[in-house]
């Protein structure tokens, strides 16, 4: 990993560590889009943000990821190889355009959720309230017979409208991976396991950052080098220096 990449990713990890997951995802997405202000990324659609997170993963850690997933039915650990390039979602040209939906005699104007909307929803501990807040963010207007309705009131008292909007959002996000299909050789049953690129990538970045800082610490003690100098080394050269510095 080039120095600028390593230093930038370490800085993003440090900045994001004390934050909740939706804000961590923003900091990581910014790594792939260094020219975009963080405020702009906040208003990206979730699909665009996730595409940036996949790009960070592909750039820093490669296309494939191997791991173990417990079978939801029998608990048997299953080996998995993920192709992150194949899983990557791509933003659509019309993602930021408003959508129209007719539910009975109510005309709804809505939009796809943004990273900012996820942060609003994440502030709620109750899953039902979080869903309601997310829908309220996404519904721009509701009209009945030419008269404007109060969106909050409509969503609270006409639940079918919220359900239809949620269904429409899910349909639009059909290419955003939220689960992985598995088949257990031990029990022979198929299942879906949850997948979220922001959680997956954060775990990888967190583990990488801690390993990297341990290497920096060891090499700084052994050779007196600065963090800047150590990060400028390629991973292969860093490993060789660590081997040479290890006690005989």
Foldseek 3Di string as FASTA:
>chain_A
DALVLVVQLLVLLVVPVVDPLLVNLLSQLCSQVVPDDSVVQQFAFPLQSQLSLLVSCCVPPRQKDWDWDQDPPPGDTDIDIHGSVVLRGDDDPCQAPWDWDDDPQKIWIWHGFGSNLQVVLVVDPDNVVSLLSSLLVGTPWIDGPNDTDDSSVCVVPVVVVSVVVVVVNCVVCVSNAQWDWDADPVVRDIDIHGDDSSVVSSVVSVVVSVVLVVLQVLCCVQPVDDSSVLSNDDPVVSVVSSVVSDDD
